Amino acid sequence: VEFVDRYRVLMPGVKPAYKQEDLRGTCRRIAEAVLGRDDDWQMGKTKIFLKDHHDMLLEIERDKAITDKVILIQKVVRGFKDRSNFLKLRKSAMLVQKTWRGYHCRKNYG
């Protein structure tokens, strides 16, 4: 359960552990996708036995995946903020232009 919860970010579309029916198969798919089909790691009945370099590789890949997700969230939030600011500035500029044009027309033709 802990393995799926911790490393499911490495495979898109993997549900959380409490929604899984086949946790063992999900663990195997995650491990094979990241570590390959080597004989250096094994699955027991309730545990996955990894060497130190496999554990480090999983952590590095997890860190990269989480960093990518964080960057995506930051990009969307910054885009929303900048777009809102741009729309506010454009609305203000249009108000100034509209007021100036009205004043100019009244001054010249009135």
C-alpha atoms as a PDB file:
ATOM      1  CA  VAL A   1       0.000   0.000   0.000  1.00  0.00           C
ATOM      2  CA  GLU A   2       2.768   2.431   0.925  1.00  0.00           C
ATOM      3  CA  PHE A   3       4.696   1.649  -2.262  1.00  0.00           C
ATOM      4  CA  VAL A   4       1.701   2.425  -4.487  1.00  0.00           C
ATOM      5  CA  ASP A   5       0.865   5.594  -2.555  1.00  0.00           C
ATOM      6  CA  ARG A   6       4.444   6.824  -2.714  1.00  0.00           C
ATOM      7  CA  TYR A   7       5.383   5.942  -6.293  1.00  0.00           C
ATOM      8  CA  ARG A   8       2.102   6.139  -8.210  1.00  0.00           C
ATOM      9  CA  VAL A   9       3.165   9.577  -9.479  1.00  0.00           C
ATOM     10  CA  LEU A  10       5.644   7.747 -11.731  1.00  0.00           C
ATOM     11  CA  MET A  11       2.857   6.194 -13.806  1.00  0.00           C
ATOM     12  CA  PRO A  12       0.011   8.396 -14.995  1.00  0.00           C
ATOM     13  CA  GLY A  13      -3.442   6.967 -14.502  1.00  0.00           C
ATOM     14  CA  VAL A  14      -2.665   4.855 -11.436  1.00  0.00           C
ATOM     15  CA  LYS A  15      -5.389   5.197  -8.825  1.00  0.00           C
ATOM     16  CA  PRO A  16      -4.676   5.684  -5.107  1.00  0.00           C
ATOM     17  CA  ALA A  17      -4.082   2.509  -3.123  1.00  0.00           C
ATOM     18  CA  TYR A  18      -7.458   2.554  -1.396  1.00  0.00           C
ATOM     19  CA  LYS A  19      -9.179   2.422  -4.817  1.00  0.00           C
ATOM     20  CA  GLN A  20      -7.001  -0.421  -6.116  1.00  0.00           C
ATOM     21  CA  GLU A  21      -8.187  -3.979  -6.357  1.00  0.00           C
ATOM     22  CA  ASP A  22      -4.875  -5.471  -7.508  1.00  0.00           C
ATOM     23  CA  LEU A  23      -2.201  -3.770  -5.405  1.00  0.00           C
ATOM     24  CA  ARG A  24       0.364  -6.453  -6.124  1.00  0.00           C
ATOM     25  CA  GLY A  25      -0.023  -6.062  -9.893  1.00  0.00           C
ATOM     26  CA  THR A  26       0.131  -2.280  -9.613  1.00  0.00           C
ATOM     27  CA  CYS A  27       3.341  -2.511  -7.573  1.00  0.00           C
ATOM     28  CA  ARG A  28       4.824  -4.847 -10.176  1.00  0.00           C
ATOM     29  CA  ARG A  29       3.867  -2.513 -13.054  1.00  0.00           C
ATOM     30  CA  ILE A  30       5.398   0.518 -11.306  1.00  0.00           C
ATOM     31  CA  ALA A  31       8.596  -1.366 -10.471  1.00  0.00           C
ATOM     32  CA  GLU A  32       8.938  -2.795 -13.996  1.00  0.00           C
ATOM     33  CA  ALA A  33       8.305   0.604 -15.585  1.00  0.00           C
ATOM     34  CA  VAL A  34      10.987   2.353 -13.534  1.00  0.00           C
ATOM     35  CA  LEU A  35      13.458  -0.401 -12.670  1.00  0.00           C
ATOM     36  CA  GLY A  36      13.033  -2.707 -15.654  1.00  0.00           C
ATOM     37  CA  ARG A  37      12.617  -6.461 -15.538  1.00  0.00           C
ATOM     38  CA  ASP A  38      15.926  -7.116 -13.806  1.00  0.00           C
ATOM     39  CA  ASP A  39      16.513  -9.864 -11.307  1.00  0.00           C
ATOM     40  CA  ASP A  40      17.943  -7.311  -8.873  1.00  0.00           C
ATOM     41  CA  TRP A  41      14.591  -6.711  -7.188  1.00  0.00           C
ATOM     42  CA  GLN A  42      11.946  -9.152  -6.026  1.00  0.00           C
ATOM     43  CA  MET A  43       8.390  -9.089  -4.811  1.00  0.00           C
ATOM     44  CA  GLY A  44       7.401 -10.987  -1.727  1.00  0.00           C
ATOM     45  CA  LYS A  45       3.860 -11.534  -0.489  1.00  0.00           C
ATOM     46  CA  THR A  46       3.669  -8.172   1.257  1.00  0.00           C
ATOM     47  CA  LYS A  47       6.940  -6.399   0.430  1.00  0.00           C
ATOM     48  CA  ILE A  48       9.131  -5.375  -2.458  1.00  0.00           C
ATOM     49  CA  PHE A  49      12.798  -6.105  -1.920  1.00  0.00           C
ATOM     50  CA  LEU A  50      15.023  -3.487  -3.533  1.00  0.00           C
ATOM     51  CA  LYS A  51      18.723  -2.797  -3.527  1.00  0.00           C
ATOM     52  CA  ASP A  52      19.928   0.625  -2.417  1.00  0.00           C
ATOM     53  CA  HIS A  53      20.508   1.912  -5.935  1.00  0.00           C
ATOM     54  CA  HIS A  54      16.962   0.894  -6.940  1.00  0.00           C
ATOM     55  CA  ASP A  55      15.535   2.741  -3.973  1.00  0.00           C
ATOM     56  CA  MET A  56      17.611   5.794  -4.866  1.00  0.00           C
ATOM     57  CA  LEU A  57      16.510   5.578  -8.514  1.00  0.00           C
ATOM     58  CA  LEU A  58      12.849   5.413  -7.480  1.00  0.00           C
ATOM     59  CA  GLU A  59      13.281   8.434  -5.217  1.00  0.00           C
ATOM     60  CA  ILE A  60      15.047  10.441  -7.934  1.00  0.00           C
ATOM     61  CA  GLU A  61      12.334   9.633 -10.481  1.00  0.00           C
ATOM     62  CA  ARG A  62       9.629  10.471  -7.932  1.00  0.00           C
ATOM     63  CA  ASP A  63      11.299  13.793  -7.176  1.00  0.00           C
ATOM     64  CA  LYS A  64      11.474  14.617 -10.899  1.00  0.00           C
ATOM     65  CA  ALA A  65       7.812  13.736 -11.409  1.00  0.00           C
ATOM     66  CA  ILE A  66       6.668  15.824  -8.447  1.00  0.00           C
ATOM     67  CA  THR A  67       8.852  18.741  -9.574  1.00  0.00           C
ATOM     68  CA  ASP A  68       7.277  18.580 -13.037  1.00  0.00           C
ATOM     69  CA  LYS A  69       3.780  18.648 -11.511  1.00  0.00           C
ATOM     70  CA  VAL A  70       4.695  21.594  -9.270  1.00  0.00           C
ATOM     71  CA  ILE A  71       6.080  23.518 -12.244  1.00  0.00           C
ATOM     72  CA  LEU A  72       2.876  22.834 -14.176  1.00  0.00           C
ATOM     73  CA  ILE A  73       0.731  24.132 -11.300  1.00  0.00           C
ATOM     74  CA  GLN A  74       2.923  27.230 -10.951  1.00  0.00           C
ATOM     75  CA  LYS A  75       2.716  27.858 -14.694  1.00  0.00           C
ATOM     76  CA  VAL A  76      -1.082  27.694 -14.689  1.00  0.00           C
ATOM     77  CA  VAL A  77      -1.428  29.918 -11.616  1.00  0.00           C
ATOM     78  CA  ARG A  78       1.022  32.503 -12.969  1.00  0.00           C
ATOM     79  CA  GLY A  79      -0.737  32.496 -16.328  1.00  0.00           C
ATOM     80  CA  PHE A  80      -4.100  33.049 -14.652  1.00  0.00           C
ATOM     81  CA  LYS A  81      -2.694  35.865 -12.517  1.00  0.00           C
ATOM     82  CA  ASP A  82      -0.993  37.574 -15.454  1.00  0.00           C
ATOM     83  CA  ARG A  83      -4.070  37.180 -17.664  1.00  0.00           C
ATOM     84  CA  SER A  84      -6.275  38.727 -14.965  1.00  0.00           C
ATOM     85  CA  ASN A  85      -3.836  41.624 -14.587  1.00  0.00           C
ATOM     86  CA  PHE A  86      -3.707  42.126 -18.370  1.00  0.00           C
ATOM     87  CA  LEU A  87      -7.506  42.177 -18.647  1.00  0.00           C
ATOM     88  CA  LYS A  88      -7.726  44.709 -15.817  1.00  0.00           C
ATOM     89  CA  LEU A  89      -5.140  46.964 -17.474  1.00  0.00           C
ATOM     90  CA  ARG A  90      -6.859  46.661 -20.857  1.00  0.00           C
ATOM     91  CA  LYS A  91     -10.200  47.589 -19.322  1.00  0.00           C
ATOM     92  CA  SER A  92      -8.619  50.631 -17.644  1.00  0.00           C
ATOM     93  CA  ALA A  93      -6.916  51.717 -20.880  1.00  0.00           C
ATOM     94  CA  MET A  94     -10.179  51.397 -22.803  1.00  0.00           C
ATOM     95  CA  LEU A  95     -11.959  53.518 -20.191  1.00  0.00           C
ATOM     96  CA  VAL A  96      -9.314  56.257 -20.485  1.00  0.00           C
ATOM     97  CA  GLN A  97      -9.485  56.115 -24.302  1.00  0.00           C
ATOM     98  CA  LYS A  98     -13.282  56.216 -24.301  1.00  0.00           C
ATOM     99  CA  THR A  99     -13.324  59.190 -21.950  1.00  0.00           C
ATOM    100  CA  TRP A 100     -10.706  61.050 -23.993  1.00  0.00           C
ATOM    101  CA  ARG A 101     -12.507  60.415 -27.287  1.00  0.00           C
ATOM    102  CA  GLY A 102     -15.786  61.651 -25.829  1.00  0.00           C
ATOM    103  CA  TYR A 103     -14.153  64.780 -24.461  1.00  0.00           C
ATOM    104  CA  HIS A 104     -12.328  65.425 -27.743  1.00  0.00           C
ATOM    105  CA  CYS A 105     -15.520  65.043 -29.826  1.00  0.00           C
ATOM    106  CA  ARG A 106     -17.499  67.331 -27.520  1.00  0.00           C
ATOM    107  CA  LYS A 107     -14.734  69.938 -27.585  1.00  0.00           C
ATOM    108  CA  ASN A 108     -14.379  69.963 -31.403  1.00  0.00           C
ATOM    109  CA  TYR A 109     -18.044  69.694 -32.396  1.00  0.00           C
ATOM    110  CA  GLY A 110     -19.877  71.309 -29.518  1.00  0.00           C
END
